[in-house]
Each structure stands twice: as structure tokens, then as C-alpha cells.
Amino acid sequence: MTQPLLAVEGLVKHFALKSENWFDRSRPLVRAVDNVSFSVGHRETLALVGESGCGKSTTGRLILQLIDPTAGAVRFEGADLVTMAPQALRRARKDLQIIFQDPHASLNPRMSVEDIILEPLYAQGERPSAAMRTYAGDLLEKVGLSRRHAQRFAHEFSGGQRQRIGIARAIAPKPKFVICDEAVSALDVSVQAQIINLLQDLQEELGMSYLFIGHDLAVVRHIADRVAVMYLGRIVETAPKTTIYAAPRHPYTQALLASAPVPHPRLRKTRNRLRGEMPSPLNPPSGCHFHPRCPLAQDVCKTDDPVLRTLESGHEVACHFAELTAGGPAPRPS
């Protein structure tokens, strides 16, 4: 098999909270990411989806080593970024970039658009020059803006235009892998479509791979090749896009799809509906984390943690009763 561009193996991140008692050495832990594993191939888009607070954005920042993992490995082209020496990691970051969620907060208001775009190159040791300024103008045109905008500031642009500037900054060092962290969620629907089309065009032209973090299943369906579903810090299902949307096997994935808006109520498929709130990562349920909200839960779900196992080629599910859930709600096992 061809080696994936990125392989995440057993990634864990626990955040220790401050204790109100100065003399209490035991500090509660937020289990933000809990033994997450997946891979992204060359020129592939993997969508990471789930409810807010499930650990999606934390996973993206762990991959880029913006925060240090508690455990696990992040292998990029075979090299583990977690154990990599600082200088080597600095060089590797040229190939790993991110497009942030909020285009209003992610651009420095004191810097011109040209400097914002070229900042990743300056961080890699490049020097300002006429050629660099020309390159910044070329990138602006590539993302649908004008090179005349190079000397303006971020506050002079709309939200969609700011996100295009963020995309230009991300592709400036010609990366191989880009994390799109809710890159369109803060934009109007019409602008979302433009940005998604732009991302797809750039991927085809530049040969990049994407980890597309999102919660809008309609957007994910348009851009993704594969989908990984995350719940309370864990991956519960991974499959090709067509399989996830046609035949989801985890009750949580079924519930997410059932919750998605449809043009008419008659078009809504009869699947498990999501109920209740996601438990706190401070005190996750025992066994399967989803069992308090799952209409199919049995006693084994409360005690035994289901492992992510392969049902068929490319389709992995962490559910004790995944074989019974094809086509919709599963009957309750006796």
C-alpha cells in the first residue's frame, strides 16, 4: 500500500484544570482528544465532523504541533512531528498550513494584506523583495482578488474576501497539507459555495491534501472524499463519503444525518434522532461514550468500550452492534 501523506496514531490530549483548593494536588482532566487515529492520502480531502466541543479543532492544532499532545504520534511523510527536533519541525511546517475559522480574528489588523500573505515565507527565512511582492499579487489573483488590494488592510474587506486572504496566506509556502478549520462556517451560504469551489480548484491545481473540519454536512458532502465522525474526543466512524451518506452504521452518524436540514419534511429519512446533550469531557460516560444518548444502547455499551473495527474495505465503526444498523435504526438486541 502507498504510504499516506499524514498518519495520526493514538493521539491523546488531556487538559488539566486549575483546582480551587491550593493544597489539592489532584487536578481534574478535560479529555479533549482520546486515542484518535486516522490517515490522509495524497491529494485527498478527509472531513472531520461532529458537534461543537467534540475535539475537532483541538485535533487539528495537535497535528500542527500548535499544542503538545499528551500521547500519540503524528507522522507526516513518515516522520513523527511529535518527536521531531525544533529546527526540523520549523522546516516541516512549510508543508503544513491552516485556514482558520474566523477571518476577522485570524488576520493581523496592523499588517497590510501583502505582509499577511508573505508572513509564512518570512518565517522560513525569505527576505522582502520585488519578486516577493509580485508573488503576493499573483496569489491574490489566484484566490479571486486583485493585486491592487496588496497594500490595503484587513478591515477594508468583507468576510468572504478576508477568508480569501487567509487562503492566499495558507498556500503561499506551497504546502502539501492544509487544515481547513471550520473555514466557511462564519460566512454566508452564497459565499460558502464560492470558497468551497475555490478550495477545490486550488487542490486540483496545487495537488494539496485537506483535513476539512466542519459540522455542516451539506458542505462536507460537496468537498470530502472520506468522512471521519468524531464524538466526545473519539472517532466513531470513518468511511468514503458515498458510504457515510448512503449507509451510516454508527447510531451517532445516523442521528447527525437525520438532524441535517432538508427542503421538505417528507424528504427526511427515518433514522435515529439525536437526543440530549453531549456529556462533559471532564467526566465522560463509561464504556461507549455515546450510550446515554443512543436509542440502541444495551448493558454491554455501558461497560465495554467499543474499538474502531473494519466492517468492509475503507469502512470502520466503533459500535458493538454495527452489523445490525445497516439501512437505518437497528432492532434492539435481545
Protein backbone atom coordinates (compact mmCIF):
# COMPACT_ATOMS: atom_id res chain seq x y z
CA MET A 1 0.00 0.00 0.00
CA THR A 2 1.09 3.58 -0.68
CA GLN A 3 2.19 5.43 2.43
CA PRO A 4 -0.36 8.12 3.41
CA LEU A 5 0.75 11.72 3.45
CA LEU A 6 -0.42 12.07 7.08
CA ALA A 7 -0.99 9.34 9.67
CA VAL A 8 -2.36 10.17 13.12
CA GLU A 9 -1.80 7.32 15.59
CA GLY A 10 -3.34 7.12 19.07
CA LEU A 11 -3.46 10.88 19.53
CA VAL A 12 -4.40 11.98 23.06
CA LYS A 13 -4.77 15.41 24.63
CA HIS A 14 -5.80 15.98 28.24
CA PHE A 15 -6.01 19.47 29.70
CA ALA A 16 -5.51 19.77 33.46
CA LEU A 17 -7.80 22.33 35.05
CA LYS A 18 -6.78 24.55 37.93
CA SER A 19 -8.00 23.38 41.30
CA GLU A 20 -9.86 25.83 43.55
CA ASN A 21 -8.09 24.31 46.55
CA TRP A 22 -4.44 25.43 46.65
CA PHE A 23 -3.42 22.34 48.65
CA ASP A 24 -5.30 19.87 46.43
CA ARG A 25 -2.78 18.22 44.10
CA SER A 26 -5.41 16.28 42.17
CA ARG A 27 -6.43 18.29 39.11
CA PRO A 28 -9.46 17.34 37.00
CA LEU A 29 -8.66 16.46 33.39
CA VAL A 30 -10.55 17.50 30.27
CA ARG A 31 -10.23 14.59 27.85
CA ALA A 32 -10.39 16.69 24.70
CA VAL A 33 -8.90 14.09 22.33
CA ASP A 34 -8.96 10.45 23.32
CA ASN A 35 -6.96 7.92 21.27
CA VAL A 36 -7.69 9.28 17.80
CA SER A 37 -6.24 7.58 14.71
CA PHE A 38 -6.78 8.30 11.01
CA SER A 39 -4.83 8.93 7.82
CA VAL A 40 -4.99 11.34 4.89
CA GLY A 41 -3.72 10.33 1.47
CA HIS A 42 -2.06 12.41 -1.22
CA ARG A 43 -4.48 14.84 -2.92
CA GLU A 44 -7.25 13.58 -0.62
CA THR A 45 -9.80 15.51 1.45
CA LEU A 46 -10.75 13.94 4.76
CA ALA A 47 -13.64 15.66 6.54
CA LEU A 48 -13.67 15.57 10.34
CA VAL A 49 -17.23 16.19 11.56
CA GLY A 50 -19.09 16.26 14.86
CA GLU A 51 -20.85 18.52 17.33
CA SER A 52 -19.19 21.61 18.78
CA GLY A 53 -16.84 20.68 21.61
CA CYS A 54 -16.10 17.15 20.40
CA GLY A 55 -12.38 17.86 19.85
CA LYS A 56 -12.18 18.54 16.11
CA SER A 57 -10.26 21.82 16.26
CA THR A 58 -8.02 20.53 19.04
CA THR A 59 -7.11 17.60 16.80
CA GLY A 60 -6.14 20.00 14.02
CA ARG A 61 -3.92 22.02 16.33
CA LEU A 62 -2.30 18.86 17.68
CA ILE A 63 -1.42 17.80 14.14
CA LEU A 64 0.33 21.13 13.53
CA GLN A 65 2.02 20.95 16.96
CA LEU A 66 0.46 24.24 17.95
CA ILE A 67 -0.29 22.46 21.21
CA ASP A 68 1.64 19.50 22.57
CA PRO A 69 -0.15 16.11 22.64
CA THR A 70 -0.37 14.08 25.83
CA ALA A 71 0.39 10.92 23.84
CA GLY A 72 0.39 9.58 20.29
CA ALA A 73 2.18 10.17 17.01
CA VAL A 74 1.61 12.44 14.01
CA ARG A 75 3.53 11.07 11.04
CA PHE A 76 3.92 13.38 8.06
CA GLU A 77 5.59 11.66 5.11
CA GLY A 78 6.75 9.02 7.58
CA ALA A 79 8.40 11.39 10.08
CA ASP A 80 6.85 11.86 13.53
CA LEU A 81 6.19 15.56 14.13
CA VAL A 82 5.73 14.96 17.87
CA THR A 83 9.31 13.82 18.44
CA MET A 84 10.90 15.95 15.73
CA ALA A 85 13.66 18.40 16.70
CA PRO A 86 12.53 22.05 16.80
CA GLN A 87 14.57 23.13 13.77
CA ALA A 88 13.34 20.18 11.71
CA LEU A 89 9.76 20.89 12.78
CA ARG A 90 10.17 24.51 11.71
CA ARG A 91 11.22 23.38 8.24
CA ALA A 92 8.39 20.83 8.07
CA ARG A 93 5.80 23.48 8.85
CA LYS A 94 6.35 24.89 5.36
CA ASP A 95 4.34 21.90 4.12
CA LEU A 96 1.65 22.12 6.83
CA GLN A 97 -0.66 25.11 6.88
CA ILE A 98 -4.05 26.07 8.33
CA ILE A 99 -7.04 28.18 7.29
CA PHE A 100 -8.71 29.46 10.45
CA GLN A 101 -12.41 29.64 11.17
CA ASP A 102 -12.81 33.37 11.83
CA PRO A 103 -11.48 35.57 9.01
CA HIS A 104 -12.00 38.63 11.22
CA ALA A 105 -9.78 37.42 14.08
CA SER A 106 -7.13 35.49 12.13
CA LEU A 107 -5.69 38.43 10.15
CA ASN A 108 -3.41 40.98 11.83
CA PRO A 109 -5.14 44.40 11.61
CA ARG A 110 -1.78 46.21 11.72
CA MET A 111 -0.32 44.42 8.71
CA SER A 112 -1.02 45.04 5.03
CA VAL A 113 -2.54 42.24 3.01
CA GLU A 114 0.80 41.77 1.25
CA ASP A 115 2.65 41.26 4.54
CA ILE A 116 -0.06 38.92 5.84
CA ILE A 117 0.27 36.71 2.77
CA LEU A 118 4.06 36.69 2.81
CA GLU A 119 4.43 36.19 6.57
CA PRO A 120 4.79 32.36 6.32
CA LEU A 121 7.66 32.85 3.85
CA TYR A 122 9.36 35.41 6.06
CA ALA A 123 9.10 32.92 8.94
CA GLN A 124 11.02 30.45 6.77
CA GLY A 125 13.85 32.92 6.19
CA GLU A 126 12.80 34.63 2.96
CA ARG A 127 13.66 38.32 2.55
CA PRO A 128 11.37 41.10 1.25
CA SER A 129 11.99 41.80 -2.42
CA ALA A 130 10.28 42.92 -5.60
CA ALA A 131 9.86 39.27 -6.60
CA MET A 132 8.13 38.52 -3.30
CA ARG A 133 5.72 41.43 -3.81
CA THR A 134 4.94 40.18 -7.28
CA TYR A 135 4.32 36.72 -5.85
CA ALA A 136 1.87 38.16 -3.29
CA GLY A 137 -0.04 39.84 -6.13
CA ASP A 138 -0.13 36.58 -8.06
CA LEU A 139 -1.59 34.80 -5.02
CA LEU A 140 -4.26 37.47 -4.62
CA GLU A 141 -5.34 36.95 -8.20
CA LYS A 142 -5.26 33.18 -7.73
CA VAL A 143 -7.82 33.44 -4.90
CA GLY A 144 -10.09 35.80 -6.82
CA LEU A 145 -8.90 39.19 -5.58
CA SER A 146 -6.89 41.95 -7.25
CA ARG A 147 -3.21 42.66 -6.82
CA ARG A 148 -4.29 46.27 -6.21
CA HIS A 149 -5.52 45.08 -2.80
CA ALA A 150 -2.00 44.24 -1.62
CA GLN A 151 -1.42 47.47 0.32
CA ARG A 152 -4.83 47.57 1.99
CA PHE A 153 -5.66 46.33 5.48
CA ALA A 154 -7.94 43.51 6.59
CA HIS A 155 -10.72 45.76 7.95
CA GLU A 156 -11.32 47.10 4.43
CA PHE A 157 -12.63 43.73 3.21
CA SER A 158 -15.79 41.67 3.61
CA GLY A 159 -15.79 38.34 5.45
CA GLY A 160 -15.55 36.32 2.25
CA GLN A 161 -12.70 38.47 0.95
CA ARG A 162 -10.85 38.12 4.25
CA GLN A 163 -11.14 34.36 4.05
CA ARG A 164 -9.67 34.50 0.54
CA ILE A 165 -6.73 36.42 2.02
CA GLY A 166 -6.39 33.70 4.65
CA ILE A 167 -6.37 31.08 1.91
CA ALA A 168 -3.71 33.00 -0.01
CA ARG A 169 -1.56 33.09 3.14
CA ALA A 170 -2.01 29.35 3.64
CA ILE A 171 -0.95 28.42 0.10
CA ALA A 172 1.92 30.94 -0.07
CA PRO A 173 4.61 28.41 1.04
CA LYS A 174 3.16 25.83 -1.41
CA PRO A 175 2.12 23.34 1.29
CA LYS A 176 1.30 19.69 0.78
CA PHE A 177 -1.28 19.55 3.57
CA VAL A 178 -3.78 22.19 4.70
CA ILE A 179 -6.16 22.07 7.66
CA CYS A 180 -9.41 23.91 6.94
CA ASP A 181 -10.69 24.57 10.47
CA GLU A 182 -14.38 25.47 10.01
CA ALA A 183 -13.13 27.58 7.12
CA VAL A 184 -16.60 28.51 5.81
CA SER A 185 -18.83 28.31 8.89
CA ALA A 186 -18.63 32.06 9.61
CA LEU A 187 -19.63 33.00 6.05
CA ASP A 188 -22.95 33.48 4.29
CA VAL A 189 -24.25 30.48 2.35
CA SER A 190 -23.61 32.05 -1.05
CA VAL A 191 -20.06 32.95 -0.03
CA GLN A 192 -19.53 29.45 1.40
CA ALA A 193 -20.12 27.96 -2.05
CA GLN A 194 -17.57 30.30 -3.61
CA ILE A 195 -14.91 29.44 -1.03
CA ILE A 196 -15.55 25.68 -1.33
CA ASN A 197 -15.22 25.88 -5.10
CA LEU A 198 -12.01 27.90 -4.69
CA LEU A 199 -10.56 25.28 -2.30
CA GLN A 200 -11.36 22.51 -4.75
CA ASP A 201 -9.82 24.40 -7.67
CA LEU A 202 -6.64 25.08 -5.67
CA GLN A 203 -6.42 21.45 -4.61
CA GLU A 204 -6.63 20.30 -8.20
CA GLU A 205 -4.07 22.86 -9.36
CA LEU A 206 -1.55 22.55 -6.50
CA GLY A 207 -2.04 18.90 -5.51
CA MET A 208 -2.69 19.58 -1.82
CA SER A 209 -4.41 17.36 0.73
CA TYR A 210 -7.04 18.74 3.11
CA LEU A 211 -8.27 17.93 6.57
CA PHE A 212 -11.63 19.70 6.40
CA ILE A 213 -13.01 20.29 9.89
CA GLY A 214 -16.70 21.12 9.90
CA HIS A 215 -20.20 20.44 11.12
CA ASP A 216 -22.30 21.38 8.07
CA LEU A 217 -22.99 18.03 6.44
CA ALA A 218 -24.13 19.63 3.17
CA VAL A 219 -20.77 21.39 2.77
CA VAL A 220 -18.86 18.24 3.77
CA ARG A 221 -20.76 16.20 1.19
CA HIS A 222 -19.63 18.60 -1.51
CA ILE A 223 -15.92 18.69 -0.73
CA ALA A 224 -14.89 15.47 1.06
CA ASP A 225 -13.51 12.20 -0.31
CA ARG A 226 -13.78 10.45 3.07
CA VAL A 227 -15.53 11.37 6.31
CA ALA A 228 -14.44 10.73 9.90
CA VAL A 229 -17.14 11.23 12.54
CA MET A 230 -15.97 12.38 15.97
CA TYR A 231 -17.83 12.19 19.27
CA LEU A 232 -16.53 13.33 22.65
CA GLY A 233 -12.87 13.12 21.61
CA ARG A 234 -13.11 9.79 19.75
CA ILE A 235 -13.52 8.72 16.14
CA VAL A 236 -16.68 6.59 15.95
CA GLU A 237 -16.92 6.02 12.19
CA THR A 238 -14.76 6.50 9.11
CA ALA A 239 -15.81 5.71 5.55
CA PRO A 240 -15.85 7.05 1.99
CA LYS A 241 -18.29 9.91 1.54
CA THR A 242 -20.78 7.92 -0.51
CA THR A 243 -20.88 5.17 2.12
CA ILE A 244 -21.35 7.56 5.05
CA TYR A 245 -24.30 9.32 3.43
CA ALA A 246 -25.94 6.21 1.94
CA ALA A 247 -25.36 3.64 4.69
CA PRO A 248 -24.08 5.05 8.02
CA ARG A 249 -23.53 2.31 10.57
CA HIS A 250 -22.94 4.15 13.84
CA PRO A 251 -26.09 5.45 15.61
CA TYR A 252 -24.42 8.82 16.16
CA THR A 253 -23.67 9.23 12.44
CA GLN A 254 -27.27 8.27 11.66
CA ALA A 255 -28.50 10.86 14.15
CA LEU A 256 -26.29 13.60 12.68
CA LEU A 257 -27.63 12.92 9.20
CA ALA A 258 -31.20 12.83 10.50
CA SER A 259 -30.64 16.25 12.09
CA ALA A 260 -29.48 17.89 8.85
CA PRO A 261 -31.99 20.34 7.30
CA VAL A 262 -33.98 19.12 4.27
CA PRO A 263 -36.07 21.14 1.77
CA HIS A 264 -39.30 19.38 2.76
CA PRO A 265 -40.29 17.26 5.80
CA ARG A 266 -41.35 14.39 3.54
CA LEU A 267 -37.77 14.09 2.33
CA ARG A 268 -36.45 13.41 5.82
CA LYS A 269 -35.28 9.83 6.21
CA THR A 270 -36.45 7.79 9.16
CA ARG A 271 -33.31 7.40 11.23
CA ASN A 272 -32.38 7.72 14.86
CA ARG A 273 -32.80 11.29 16.10
CA LEU A 274 -30.16 12.86 18.31
CA ARG A 275 -31.41 13.43 21.84
CA GLY A 276 -29.99 15.10 24.92
CA GLU A 277 -26.72 16.98 25.26
CA MET A 278 -23.17 15.77 24.76
CA PRO A 279 -21.65 14.78 28.14
CA SER A 280 -18.82 16.80 29.61
CA PRO A 281 -15.29 15.71 28.62
CA LEU A 282 -14.44 16.27 32.29
CA ASN A 283 -16.49 13.22 33.22
CA PRO A 284 -17.18 11.10 30.11
CA PRO A 285 -19.51 8.09 30.42
CA SER A 286 -18.02 4.66 30.94
CA GLY A 287 -17.96 2.18 28.08
CA CYS A 288 -19.24 3.69 24.85
CA HIS A 289 -19.32 7.47 25.32
CA PHE A 290 -22.48 7.69 23.21
CA HIS A 291 -24.58 5.21 25.18
CA PRO A 292 -26.51 7.80 27.31
CA ARG A 293 -27.95 9.28 24.08
CA CYS A 294 -28.16 6.11 21.99
CA PRO A 295 -31.62 4.54 21.43
CA LEU A 296 -29.95 1.18 20.79
CA ALA A 297 -27.79 1.04 23.93
CA GLN A 298 -27.53 -2.23 25.85
CA ASP A 299 -25.79 -3.15 29.09
CA VAL A 300 -22.57 -4.01 27.25
CA CYS A 301 -22.43 -0.44 25.90
CA LYS A 302 -22.29 0.90 29.46
CA THR A 303 -19.30 -1.20 30.46
CA ASP A 304 -17.25 -2.12 27.36
CA ASP A 305 -15.53 0.49 25.23
CA PRO A 306 -16.09 -0.42 21.53
CA VAL A 307 -12.97 -0.40 19.38
CA LEU A 308 -12.83 1.03 15.89
CA ARG A 309 -13.09 -2.06 13.68
CA THR A 310 -13.34 -2.66 9.96
CA LEU A 311 -16.70 -3.77 8.57
CA GLU A 312 -15.64 -3.63 4.94
CA SER A 313 -12.87 -2.06 2.93
CA GLY A 314 -12.47 1.57 3.99
CA HIS A 315 -15.38 1.49 6.47
CA GLU A 316 -14.53 1.50 10.18
CA VAL A 317 -17.06 1.74 13.01
CA ALA A 318 -16.77 1.80 16.82
CA CYS A 319 -20.10 0.22 17.78
CA HIS A 320 -20.94 -3.14 19.39
CA PHE A 321 -23.97 -3.55 17.12
CA ALA A 322 -22.71 -2.03 13.85
CA GLU A 323 -23.68 -5.13 11.86
CA LEU A 324 -27.32 -4.60 12.86
CA THR A 325 -27.61 -0.93 11.91
CA ALA A 326 -27.39 -1.07 8.08
CA GLY A 327 -30.11 0.91 6.39
CA GLY A 328 -31.35 2.80 9.44
CA PRO A 329 -32.32 2.13 13.05
CA ALA A 330 -31.30 -1.27 14.29
CA PRO A 331 -33.65 -3.54 16.17
CA ARG A 332 -32.87 -3.83 19.87
CA PRO A 333 -30.80 -6.96 20.52
CA SER A 334 -32.46 -9.36 22.94
